[in-house]
Amino acid sequence: MITKSKQAWEVGQAVNVGFLKDLTVVAKVATPRDFAPDAYVLANKTATQLYKFVPHNGIEKVSLLEARELIADAKAHADRVAAKAIAQASEASRTIAALNEAIFA
């Protein structure tokens, strides 16, 4: 995720990358396990060209199919992370309930 920038790298915001101006952020794509910064899917002003931008690694044109795959992978990863967090919270809740029952019974 880009945090030290004067540009807003949120979905729907217009950003500039090098000489490419007014690109719209279509999606943020988490890239776990590859130790690279998160990727961004960008579209030009007329939405006729899509780009994949990885900070410090550059920008490249991508097809609609490649962009959809990037976004689907990011959604699947987010779903896995959310499921893991819910499971951990549920387990913590059961543990706290058991402790409360033992203490206040």
PDB file of N, CA and C in Angstrom:
ATOM      1  N   MET A   1       0.842  -1.162   0.000  1.00  0.00           N
ATOM      2  CA  MET A   1       0.000   0.000   0.000  1.00  0.00           C
ATOM      3  C   MET A   1       0.892   1.231   0.000  1.00  0.00           C
ATOM      4  N   ILE A   2       0.530   2.202  -0.787  1.00  0.00           N
ATOM      5  CA  ILE A   2       1.273   3.450  -0.846  1.00  0.00           C
ATOM      6  C   ILE A   2       0.779   4.348   0.279  1.00  0.00           C
ATOM      7  N   THR A   3       1.688   4.746   1.175  1.00  0.00           N
ATOM      8  CA  THR A   3       1.284   5.575   2.307  1.00  0.00           C
ATOM      9  C   THR A   3       1.964   6.931   2.319  1.00  0.00           C
ATOM     10  N   LYS A   4       3.133   7.051   1.739  1.00  0.00           N
ATOM     11  CA  LYS A   4       3.881   8.313   1.774  1.00  0.00           C
ATOM     12  C   LYS A   4       3.831   8.984   0.405  1.00  0.00           C
ATOM     13  N   SER A   5       2.657   9.437   0.037  1.00  0.00           N
ATOM     14  CA  SER A   5       2.457  10.053  -1.264  1.00  0.00           C
ATOM     15  C   SER A   5       1.484  11.208  -1.122  1.00  0.00           C
ATOM     16  N   LYS A   6       1.631  12.200  -1.952  1.00  0.00           N
ATOM     17  CA  LYS A   6       0.695  13.316  -1.950  1.00  0.00           C
ATOM     18  C   LYS A   6      -0.576  12.968  -2.713  1.00  0.00           C
ATOM     19  N   GLN A   7      -0.566  11.839  -3.407  1.00  0.00           N
ATOM     20  CA  GLN A   7      -1.734  11.398  -4.162  1.00  0.00           C
ATOM     21  C   GLN A   7      -2.553  10.438  -3.304  1.00  0.00           C
ATOM     22  N   ALA A   8      -3.850  10.428  -3.524  1.00  0.00           N
ATOM     23  CA  ALA A   8      -4.742   9.507  -2.812  1.00  0.00           C
ATOM     24  C   ALA A   8      -4.843   8.222  -3.630  1.00  0.00           C
ATOM     25  N   TRP A   9      -4.279   7.134  -3.127  1.00  0.00           N
ATOM     26  CA  TRP A   9      -4.270   5.852  -3.834  1.00  0.00           C
ATOM     27  C   TRP A   9      -5.442   4.996  -3.365  1.00  0.00           C
ATOM     28  N   GLU A  10      -6.631   5.568  -3.419  1.00  0.00           N
ATOM     29  CA  GLU A  10      -7.850   4.858  -3.068  1.00  0.00           C
ATOM     30  C   GLU A  10      -8.648   4.596  -4.333  1.00  0.00           C
ATOM     31  N   VAL A  11      -9.485   3.573  -4.310  1.00  0.00           N
ATOM     32  CA  VAL A  11     -10.306   3.226  -5.470  1.00  0.00           C
ATOM     33  C   VAL A  11     -11.166   4.427  -5.860  1.00  0.00           C
ATOM     34  N   GLY A  12     -11.136   4.749  -7.142  1.00  0.00           N
ATOM     35  CA  GLY A  12     -11.917   5.857  -7.671  1.00  0.00           C
ATOM     36  C   GLY A  12     -11.146   7.160  -7.792  1.00  0.00           C
ATOM     37  N   GLN A  13      -9.969   7.241  -7.191  1.00  0.00           N
ATOM     38  CA  GLN A  13      -9.174   8.470  -7.228  1.00  0.00           C
ATOM     39  C   GLN A  13      -8.317   8.531  -8.484  1.00  0.00           C
ATOM     40  N   ALA A  14      -8.035   9.741  -8.951  1.00  0.00           N
ATOM     41  CA  ALA A  14      -7.168   9.951 -10.112  1.00  0.00           C
ATOM     42  C   ALA A  14      -5.734  10.117  -9.617  1.00  0.00           C
ATOM     43  N   VAL A  15      -4.795   9.437 -10.276  1.00  0.00           N
ATOM     44  CA  VAL A  15      -3.384   9.502  -9.897  1.00  0.00           C
ATOM     45  C   VAL A  15      -2.535   9.695 -11.149  1.00  0.00           C
ATOM     46  N   ASN A  16      -1.309  10.112 -10.944  1.00  0.00           N
ATOM     47  CA  ASN A  16      -0.336  10.243 -12.013  1.00  0.00           C
ATOM     48  C   ASN A  16       0.794   9.265 -11.754  1.00  0.00           C
ATOM     49  N   VAL A  17       1.206   8.543 -12.795  1.00  0.00           N
ATOM     50  CA  VAL A  17       2.330   7.611 -12.696  1.00  0.00           C
ATOM     51  C   VAL A  17       3.283   7.959 -13.830  1.00  0.00           C
ATOM     52  N   GLY A  18       4.414   8.545 -13.470  1.00  0.00           N
ATOM     53  CA  GLY A  18       5.355   8.957 -14.494  1.00  0.00           C
ATOM     54  C   GLY A  18       4.716   9.958 -15.429  1.00  0.00           C
ATOM     55  N   PHE A  19       4.816   9.698 -16.720  1.00  0.00           N
ATOM     56  CA  PHE A  19       4.228  10.613 -17.699  1.00  0.00           C
ATOM     57  C   PHE A  19       2.759  10.312 -17.976  1.00  0.00           C
ATOM     58  N   LEU A  20       2.215   9.262 -17.397  1.00  0.00           N
ATOM     59  CA  LEU A  20       0.791   8.942 -17.558  1.00  0.00           C
ATOM     60  C   LEU A  20      -0.009   9.732 -16.528  1.00  0.00           C
ATOM     61  N   LYS A  21      -0.912  10.551 -16.997  1.00  0.00           N
ATOM     62  CA  LYS A  21      -1.676  11.450 -16.121  1.00  0.00           C
ATOM     63  C   LYS A  21      -3.141  11.025 -16.053  1.00  0.00           C
ATOM     64  N   ASP A  22      -3.753  11.368 -14.946  1.00  0.00           N
ATOM     65  CA  ASP A  22      -5.189  11.146 -14.721  1.00  0.00           C
ATOM     66  C   ASP A  22      -5.614   9.696 -14.895  1.00  0.00           C
ATOM     67  N   LEU A  23      -4.851   8.774 -14.333  1.00  0.00           N
ATOM     68  CA  LEU A  23      -5.262   7.371 -14.312  1.00  0.00           C
ATOM     69  C   LEU A  23      -6.168   7.173 -13.101  1.00  0.00           C
ATOM     70  N   THR A  24      -7.215   6.404 -13.260  1.00  0.00           N
ATOM     71  CA  THR A  24      -8.152   6.138 -12.176  1.00  0.00           C
ATOM     72  C   THR A  24      -7.797   4.812 -11.516  1.00  0.00           C
ATOM     73  N   VAL A  25      -7.744   4.804 -10.185  1.00  0.00           N
ATOM     74  CA  VAL A  25      -7.476   3.574  -9.439  1.00  0.00           C
ATOM     75  C   VAL A  25      -8.748   2.727  -9.481  1.00  0.00           C
ATOM     76  N   VAL A  26      -8.662   1.568 -10.128  1.00  0.00           N
ATOM     77  CA  VAL A  26      -9.801   0.668 -10.254  1.00  0.00           C
ATOM     78  C   VAL A  26      -9.844  -0.309  -9.078  1.00  0.00           C
ATOM     79  N   ALA A  27      -8.665  -0.790  -8.657  1.00  0.00           N
ATOM     80  CA  ALA A  27      -8.609  -1.756  -7.562  1.00  0.00           C
ATOM     81  C   ALA A  27      -7.226  -1.758  -6.936  1.00  0.00           C
ATOM     82  N   LYS A  28      -7.194  -2.073  -5.629  1.00  0.00           N
ATOM     83  CA  LYS A  28      -5.946  -2.354  -4.928  1.00  0.00           C
ATOM     84  C   LYS A  28      -5.846  -3.870  -4.863  1.00  0.00           C
ATOM     85  N   VAL A  29      -4.691  -4.399  -5.173  1.00  0.00           N
ATOM     86  CA  VAL A  29      -4.521  -5.846  -5.200  1.00  0.00           C
ATOM     87  C   VAL A  29      -3.422  -6.222  -4.213  1.00  0.00           C
ATOM     88  N   ALA A  30      -3.799  -6.873  -3.123  1.00  0.00           N
ATOM     89  CA  ALA A  30      -2.810  -7.341  -2.159  1.00  0.00           C
ATOM     90  C   ALA A  30      -1.966  -8.423  -2.812  1.00  0.00           C
ATOM     91  N   THR A  31      -0.671  -8.381  -2.565  1.00  0.00           N
ATOM     92  CA  THR A  31       0.231  -9.373  -3.152  1.00  0.00           C
ATOM     93  C   THR A  31       0.982 -10.101  -2.042  1.00  0.00           C
ATOM     94  N   PRO A  32       0.279 -10.947  -1.295  1.00  0.00           N
ATOM     95  CA  PRO A  32       0.955 -11.668  -0.217  1.00  0.00           C
ATOM     96  C   PRO A  32       1.902 -12.723  -0.776  1.00  0.00           C
ATOM     97  N   ARG A  33       2.849 -13.067   0.012  1.00  0.00           N
ATOM     98  CA  ARG A  33       3.804 -14.151  -0.264  1.00  0.00           C
ATOM     99  C   ARG A  33       4.838 -13.823  -1.333  1.00  0.00           C
ATOM    100  N   ASP A  34       4.729 -12.714  -2.035  1.00  0.00           N
ATOM    101  CA  ASP A  34       5.769 -12.429  -3.020  1.00  0.00           C
ATOM    102  C   ASP A  34       6.694 -11.307  -2.560  1.00  0.00           C
ATOM    103  N   PHE A  35       6.435 -10.766  -1.360  1.00  0.00           N
ATOM    104  CA  PHE A  35       7.263  -9.743  -0.734  1.00  0.00           C
ATOM    105  C   PHE A  35       7.398  -8.482  -1.583  1.00  0.00           C
ATOM    106  N   ALA A  36       6.506  -8.272  -2.532  1.00  0.00           N
ATOM    107  CA  ALA A  36       6.476  -7.056  -3.344  1.00  0.00           C
ATOM    108  C   ALA A  36       5.400  -6.135  -2.774  1.00  0.00           C
ATOM    109  N   PRO A  37       5.473  -4.847  -3.081  1.00  0.00           N
ATOM    110  CA  PRO A  37       4.395  -3.952  -2.641  1.00  0.00           C
ATOM    111  C   PRO A  37       3.072  -4.354  -3.297  1.00  0.00           C
ATOM    112  N   ASP A  38       1.990  -3.885  -2.714  1.00  0.00           N
ATOM    113  CA  ASP A  38       0.679  -4.149  -3.298  1.00  0.00           C
ATOM    114  C   ASP A  38       0.619  -3.580  -4.713  1.00  0.00           C
ATOM    115  N   ALA A  39      -0.155  -4.227  -5.549  1.00  0.00           N
ATOM    116  CA  ALA A  39      -0.333  -3.777  -6.927  1.00  0.00           C
ATOM    117  C   ALA A  39      -1.617  -2.958  -7.014  1.00  0.00           C
ATOM    118  N   TYR A  40      -1.699  -2.170  -8.045  1.00  0.00           N
ATOM    119  CA  TYR A  40      -2.885  -1.361  -8.302  1.00  0.00           C
ATOM    120  C   TYR A  40      -3.303  -1.569  -9.742  1.00  0.00           C
ATOM    121  N   VAL A  41      -4.603  -1.712  -9.969  1.00  0.00           N
ATOM    122  CA  VAL A  41      -5.146  -1.762 -11.320  1.00  0.00           C
ATOM    123  C   VAL A  41      -5.634  -0.351 -11.621  1.00  0.00           C
ATOM    124  N   LEU A  42      -5.122   0.211 -12.728  1.00  0.00           N
ATOM    125  CA  LEU A  42      -5.433   1.582 -13.104  1.00  0.00           C
ATOM    126  C   LEU A  42      -6.070   1.603 -14.496  1.00  0.00           C
ATOM    127  N   ALA A  43      -6.907   2.582 -14.736  1.00  0.00           N
ATOM    128  CA  ALA A  43      -7.525   2.765 -16.055  1.00  0.00           C
ATOM    129  C   ALA A  43      -7.267   4.182 -16.518  1.00  0.00           C
ATOM    130  N   ASN A  44      -7.113   4.344 -17.838  1.00  0.00           N
ATOM    131  CA  ASN A  44      -6.924   5.695 -18.363  1.00  0.00           C
ATOM    132  C   ASN A  44      -8.243   6.461 -18.288  1.00  0.00           C
ATOM    133  N   LYS A  45      -8.194   7.735 -18.629  1.00  0.00           N
ATOM    134  CA  LYS A  45      -9.346   8.617 -18.477  1.00  0.00           C
ATOM    135  C   LYS A  45     -10.565   8.133 -19.253  1.00  0.00           C
ATOM    136  N   THR A  46     -10.343   7.584 -20.438  1.00  0.00           N
ATOM    137  CA  THR A  46     -11.468   7.116 -21.258  1.00  0.00           C
ATOM    138  C   THR A  46     -11.815   5.649 -20.995  1.00  0.00           C
ATOM    139  N   ALA A  47     -11.102   5.018 -20.074  1.00  0.00           N
ATOM    140  CA  ALA A  47     -11.330   3.613 -19.692  1.00  0.00           C
ATOM    141  C   ALA A  47     -11.149   2.657 -20.872  1.00  0.00           C
ATOM    142  N   THR A  48     -10.215   2.983 -21.764  1.00  0.00           N
ATOM    143  CA  THR A  48      -9.946   2.103 -22.895  1.00  0.00           C
ATOM    144  C   THR A  48      -8.699   1.249 -22.684  1.00  0.00           C
ATOM    145  N   GLN A  49      -7.905   1.582 -21.671  1.00  0.00           N
ATOM    146  CA  GLN A  49      -6.677   0.830 -21.410  1.00  0.00           C
ATOM    147  C   GLN A  49      -6.525   0.608 -19.911  1.00  0.00           C
ATOM    148  N   LEU A  50      -6.145  -0.620 -19.536  1.00  0.00           N
ATOM    149  CA  LEU A  50      -5.909  -0.960 -18.135  1.00  0.00           C
ATOM    150  C   LEU A  50      -4.415  -1.158 -17.907  1.00  0.00           C
ATOM    151  N   TYR A  51      -3.988  -0.819 -16.698  1.00  0.00           N
ATOM    152  CA  TYR A  51      -2.586  -0.954 -16.327  1.00  0.00           C
ATOM    153  C   TYR A  51      -2.484  -1.630 -14.973  1.00  0.00           C
ATOM    154  N   LYS A  52      -1.376  -2.337 -14.769  1.00  0.00           N
ATOM    155  CA  LYS A  52      -1.031  -2.884 -13.459  1.00  0.00           C
ATOM    156  C   LYS A  52       0.194  -2.098 -12.996  1.00  0.00           C
ATOM    157  N   PHE A  53       0.087  -1.477 -11.825  1.00  0.00           N
ATOM    158  CA  PHE A  53       1.184  -0.686 -11.285  1.00  0.00           C
ATOM    159  C   PHE A  53       1.630  -1.278  -9.962  1.00  0.00           C
ATOM    160  N   VAL A  54       2.916  -1.584  -9.857  1.00  0.00           N
ATOM    161  CA  VAL A  54       3.523  -2.036  -8.611  1.00  0.00           C
ATOM    162  C   VAL A  54       4.614  -1.020  -8.271  1.00  0.00           C
ATOM    163  N   PRO A  55       4.477  -0.318  -7.148  1.00  0.00           N
ATOM    164  CA  PRO A  55       5.490   0.672  -6.790  1.00  0.00           C
ATOM    165  C   PRO A  55       6.893   0.068  -6.790  1.00  0.00           C
ATOM    166  N   HIS A  56       7.836   0.788  -7.326  1.00  0.00           N
ATOM    167  CA  HIS A  56       9.250   0.415  -7.434  1.00  0.00           C
ATOM    168  C   HIS A  56       9.506  -0.676  -8.482  1.00  0.00           C
ATOM    169  N   ASN A  57       8.444  -1.251  -9.037  1.00  0.00           N
ATOM    170  CA  ASN A  57       8.614  -2.272 -10.077  1.00  0.00           C
ATOM    171  C   ASN A  57       8.101  -1.807 -11.428  1.00  0.00           C
ATOM    172  N   GLY A  58       7.308  -0.749 -11.441  1.00  0.00           N
ATOM    173  CA  GLY A  58       6.867  -0.177 -12.704  1.00  0.00           C
ATOM    174  C   GLY A  58       5.408  -0.411 -13.029  1.00  0.00           C
ATOM    175  N   ILE A  59       5.075   0.009 -14.243  1.00  0.00           N
ATOM    176  CA  ILE A  59       3.700  -0.065 -14.729  1.00  0.00           C
ATOM    177  C   ILE A  59       3.696  -0.857 -16.029  1.00  0.00           C
ATOM    178  N   GLU A  60       2.656  -1.652 -16.230  1.00  0.00           N
ATOM    179  CA  GLU A  60       2.541  -2.424 -17.468  1.00  0.00           C
ATOM    180  C   GLU A  60       1.092  -2.481 -17.897  1.00  0.00           C
ATOM    181  N   LYS A  61       0.882  -2.534 -19.202  1.00  0.00           N
ATOM    182  CA  LYS A  61      -0.469  -2.681 -19.731  1.00  0.00           C
ATOM    183  C   LYS A  61      -0.944  -4.103 -19.453  1.00  0.00           C
ATOM    184  N   VAL A  62      -2.221  -4.233 -19.144  1.00  0.00           N
ATOM    185  CA  VAL A  62      -2.817  -5.550 -18.945  1.00  0.00           C
ATOM    186  C   VAL A  62      -4.132  -5.607 -19.699  1.00  0.00           C
ATOM    187  N   SER A  63      -4.535  -6.810 -20.017  1.00  0.00           N
ATOM    188  CA  SER A  63      -5.824  -6.999 -20.684  1.00  0.00           C
ATOM    189  C   SER A  63      -6.933  -7.004 -19.641  1.00  0.00           C
ATOM    190  N   LEU A  64      -8.148  -6.930 -20.097  1.00  0.00           N
ATOM    191  CA  LEU A  64      -9.291  -6.985 -19.197  1.00  0.00           C
ATOM    192  C   LEU A  64      -9.302  -8.307 -18.425  1.00  0.00           C
ATOM    193  N   LEU A  65      -8.968  -9.397 -19.100  1.00  0.00           N
ATOM    194  CA  LEU A  65      -8.932 -10.705 -18.449  1.00  0.00           C
ATOM    195  C   LEU A  65      -7.880 -10.741 -17.340  1.00  0.00           C
ATOM    196  N   GLU A  66      -6.690 -10.212 -17.602  1.00  0.00           N
ATOM    197  CA  GLU A  66      -5.642 -10.186 -16.588  1.00  0.00           C
ATOM    198  C   GLU A  66      -6.052  -9.323 -15.393  1.00  0.00           C
ATOM    199  N   ALA A  67      -6.698  -8.199 -15.667  1.00  0.00           N
ATOM    200  CA  ALA A  67      -7.162  -7.328 -14.586  1.00  0.00           C
ATOM    201  C   ALA A  67      -8.215  -8.036 -13.737  1.00  0.00           C
ATOM    202  N   ARG A  68      -9.130  -8.745 -14.383  1.00  0.00           N
ATOM    203  CA  ARG A  68     -10.150  -9.497 -13.643  1.00  0.00           C
ATOM    204  C   ARG A  68      -9.515 -10.572 -12.774  1.00  0.00           C
ATOM    205  N   GLU A  69      -8.495 -11.257 -13.299  1.00  0.00           N
ATOM    206  CA  GLU A  69      -7.804 -12.283 -12.518  1.00  0.00           C
ATOM    207  C   GLU A  69      -7.101 -11.678 -11.306  1.00  0.00           C
ATOM    208  N   LEU A  70      -6.449 -10.535 -11.489  1.00  0.00           N
ATOM    209  CA  LEU A  70      -5.787  -9.855 -10.368  1.00  0.00           C
ATOM    210  C   LEU A  70      -6.794  -9.504  -9.278  1.00  0.00           C
ATOM    211  N   ILE A  71      -7.925  -8.951  -9.688  1.00  0.00           N
ATOM    212  CA  ILE A  71      -8.948  -8.542  -8.726  1.00  0.00           C
ATOM    213  C   ILE A  71      -9.571  -9.766  -8.051  1.00  0.00           C
ATOM    214  N   ALA A  72      -9.804 -10.835  -8.799  1.00  0.00           N
ATOM    215  CA  ALA A  72     -10.366 -12.061  -8.212  1.00  0.00           C
ATOM    216  C   ALA A  72      -9.399 -12.676  -7.205  1.00  0.00           C
ATOM    217  N   ASP A  73      -8.103 -12.679  -7.527  1.00  0.00           N
ATOM    218  CA  ASP A  73      -7.104 -13.191  -6.590  1.00  0.00           C
ATOM    219  C   ASP A  73      -7.081 -12.369  -5.314  1.00  0.00           C
ATOM    220  N   ALA A  74      -7.176 -11.048  -5.454  1.00  0.00           N
ATOM    221  CA  ALA A  74      -7.177 -10.171  -4.287  1.00  0.00           C
ATOM    222  C   ALA A  74      -8.408 -10.421  -3.424  1.00  0.00           C
ATOM    223  N   LYS A  75      -9.565 -10.615  -4.070  1.00  0.00           N
ATOM    224  CA  LYS A  75     -10.793 -10.886  -3.320  1.00  0.00           C
ATOM    225  C   LYS A  75     -10.700 -12.220  -2.596  1.00  0.00           C
ATOM    226  N   ALA A  76     -10.156 -13.225  -3.253  1.00  0.00           N
ATOM    227  CA  ALA A  76     -10.004 -14.536  -2.611  1.00  0.00           C
ATOM    228  C   ALA A  76      -9.077 -14.440  -1.404  1.00  0.00           C
ATOM    229  N   HIS A  77      -7.998 -13.691  -1.554  1.00  0.00           N
ATOM    230  CA  HIS A  77      -7.072 -13.514  -0.426  1.00  0.00           C
ATOM    231  C   HIS A  77      -7.763 -12.795   0.726  1.00  0.00           C
ATOM    232  N   ALA A  78      -8.514 -11.739   0.428  1.00  0.00           N
ATOM    233  CA  ALA A  78      -9.226 -10.994   1.463  1.00  0.00           C
ATOM    234  C   ALA A  78     -10.242 -11.889   2.172  1.00  0.00           C
ATOM    235  N   ASP A  79     -10.918 -12.743   1.424  1.00  0.00           N
ATOM    236  CA  ASP A  79     -11.881 -13.674   2.022  1.00  0.00           C
ATOM    237  C   ASP A  79     -11.190 -14.648   2.964  1.00  0.00           C
ATOM    238  N   ARG A  80     -10.005 -15.150   2.556  1.00  0.00           N
ATOM    239  CA  ARG A  80      -9.262 -16.068   3.432  1.00  0.00           C
ATOM    240  C   ARG A  80      -8.809 -15.375   4.711  1.00  0.00           C
ATOM    241  N   VAL A  81      -8.318 -14.152   4.594  1.00  0.00           N
ATOM    242  CA  VAL A  81      -7.866 -13.402   5.765  1.00  0.00           C
ATOM    243  C   VAL A  81      -9.044 -13.120   6.696  1.00  0.00           C
ATOM    244  N   ALA A  82     -10.182 -12.741   6.132  1.00  0.00           N
ATOM    245  CA  ALA A  82     -11.369 -12.454   6.941  1.00  0.00           C
ATOM    246  C   ALA A  82     -11.856 -13.708   7.657  1.00  0.00           C
ATOM    247  N   ALA A  83     -11.870 -14.834   6.967  1.00  0.00           N
ATOM    248  CA  ALA A  83     -12.314 -16.087   7.586  1.00  0.00           C
ATOM    249  C   ALA A  83     -11.394 -16.476   8.747  1.00  0.00           C
ATOM    250  N   LYS A  84     -10.103 -16.283   8.554  1.00  0.00           N
ATOM    251  CA  LYS A  84      -9.142 -16.600   9.621  1.00  0.00           C
ATOM    252  C   LYS A  84      -9.354 -15.685  10.822  1.00  0.00           C
ATOM    253  N   ALA A  85      -9.585 -14.396  10.586  1.00  0.00           N
ATOM    254  CA  ALA A  85      -9.811 -13.445  11.674  1.00  0.00           C
ATOM    255  C   ALA A  85     -11.097 -13.772  12.427  1.00  0.00           C
ATOM    256  N   ILE A  86     -12.138 -14.168  11.693  1.00  0.00           N
ATOM    257  CA  ILE A  86     -13.401 -14.530  12.334  1.00  0.00           C
ATOM    258  C   ILE A  86     -13.225 -15.778  13.189  1.00  0.00           C
ATOM    259  N   ALA A  87     -12.485 -16.749  12.686  1.00  0.00           N
ATOM    260  CA  ALA A  87     -12.246 -17.968  13.456  1.00  0.00           C
ATOM    261  C   ALA A  87     -11.458 -17.665  14.731  1.00  0.00           C
ATOM    262  N   GLN A  88     -10.453 -16.806  14.637  1.00  0.00           N
ATOM    263  CA  GLN A  88      -9.669 -16.445  15.820  1.00  0.00           C
ATOM    264  C   GLN A  88     -10.516 -15.688  16.831  1.00  0.00           C
ATOM    265  N   ALA A  89     -11.369 -14.784  16.356  1.00  0.00           N
ATOM    266  CA  ALA A  89     -12.244 -14.035  17.259  1.00  0.00           C
ATOM    267  C   ALA A  89     -13.248 -14.953  17.933  1.00  0.00           C
ATOM    268  N   SER A  90     -13.761 -15.917  17.196  1.00  0.00           N
ATOM    269  CA  SER A  90     -14.712 -16.874  17.755  1.00  0.00           C
ATOM    270  C   SER A  90     -14.057 -17.719  18.839  1.00  0.00           C
ATOM    271  N   GLU A  91     -12.840 -18.166  18.572  1.00  0.00           N
ATOM    272  CA  GLU A  91     -12.110 -18.961  19.566  1.00  0.00           C
ATOM    273  C   GLU A  91     -11.817 -18.125  20.807  1.00  0.00           C
ATOM    274  N   ALA A  92     -11.421 -16.874  20.627  1.00  0.00           N
ATOM    275  CA  ALA A  92     -11.156 -15.993  21.766  1.00  0.00           C
ATOM    276  C   ALA A  92     -12.430 -15.766  22.570  1.00  0.00           C
ATOM    277  N   SER A  93     -13.554 -15.618  21.880  1.00  0.00           N
ATOM    278  CA  SER A  93     -14.828 -15.423  22.557  1.00  0.00           C
ATOM    279  C   SER A  93     -15.197 -16.645  23.399  1.00  0.00           C
ATOM    280  N   ARG A  94     -14.997 -17.841  22.851  1.00  0.00           N
ATOM    281  CA  ARG A  94     -15.284 -19.066  23.615  1.00  0.00           C
ATOM    282  C   ARG A  94     -14.379 -19.173  24.838  1.00  0.00           C
ATOM    283  N   THR A  95     -13.119 -18.814  24.685  1.00  0.00           N
ATOM    284  CA  THR A  95     -12.177 -18.878  25.801  1.00  0.00           C
ATOM    285  C   THR A  95     -12.577 -17.896  26.893  1.00  0.00           C
ATOM    286  N   ILE A  96     -12.943 -16.685  26.512  1.00  0.00           N
ATOM    287  CA  ILE A  96     -13.363 -15.679  27.496  1.00  0.00           C
ATOM    288  C   ILE A  96     -14.637 -16.116  28.207  1.00  0.00           C
ATOM    289  N   ALA A  97     -15.570 -16.691  27.458  1.00  0.00           N
ATOM    290  CA  ALA A  97     -16.812 -17.173  28.067  1.00  0.00           C
ATOM    291  C   ALA A  97     -16.518 -18.277  29.079  1.00  0.00           C
ATOM    292  N   ALA A  98     -15.613 -19.178  28.724  1.00  0.00           N
ATOM    293  CA  ALA A  98     -15.252 -20.257  29.649  1.00  0.00           C
ATOM    294  C   ALA A  98     -14.571 -19.691  30.897  1.00  0.00           C
ATOM    295  N   LEU A  99     -13.708 -18.715  30.747  1.00  0.00           N
ATOM    296  CA  LEU A  99     -13.051 -18.095  31.905  1.00  0.00           C
ATOM    297  C   LEU A  99     -14.061 -17.373  32.786  1.00  0.00           C
ATOM    298  N   ASN A 100     -14.978 -16.628  32.176  1.00  0.00           N
ATOM    299  CA  ASN A 100     -16.003 -15.926  32.942  1.00  0.00           C
ATOM    300  C   ASN A 100     -16.865 -16.907  33.720  1.00  0.00           C
ATOM    301  N   GLU A 101     -17.201 -18.009  33.102  1.00  0.00           N
ATOM    302  CA  GLU A 101     -18.018 -19.018  33.770  1.00  0.00           C
ATOM    303  C   GLU A 101     -17.262 -19.619  34.941  1.00  0.00           C
ATOM    304  N   ALA A 102     -15.979 -19.868  34.784  1.00  0.00           N
ATOM    305  CA  ALA A 102     -15.182 -20.442  35.862  1.00  0.00           C
ATOM    306  C   ALA A 102     -14.992 -19.444  36.997  1.00  0.00           C
ATOM    307  N   ILE A 103     -14.812 -18.180  36.670  1.00  0.00           N
ATOM    308  CA  ILE A 103     -14.559 -17.172  37.693  1.00  0.00           C
ATOM    309  C   ILE A 103     -15.826 -16.790  38.445  1.00  0.00           C
ATOM    310  N   PHE A 104     -16.914 -16.587  37.736  1.00  0.00           N
ATOM    311  CA  PHE A 104     -18.131 -16.057  38.335  1.00  0.00           C
ATOM    312  C   PHE A 104     -19.169 -17.133  38.651  1.00  0.00           C
ATOM    313  N   ALA A 105     -18.814 -18.385  38.532  1.00  0.00           N
ATOM    314  CA  ALA A 105     -19.792 -19.441  38.808  1.00  0.00           C
ATOM    315  C   ALA A 105     -19.865 -19.758  40.280  1.00  0.00           C
TER     316      ALA A 105
END
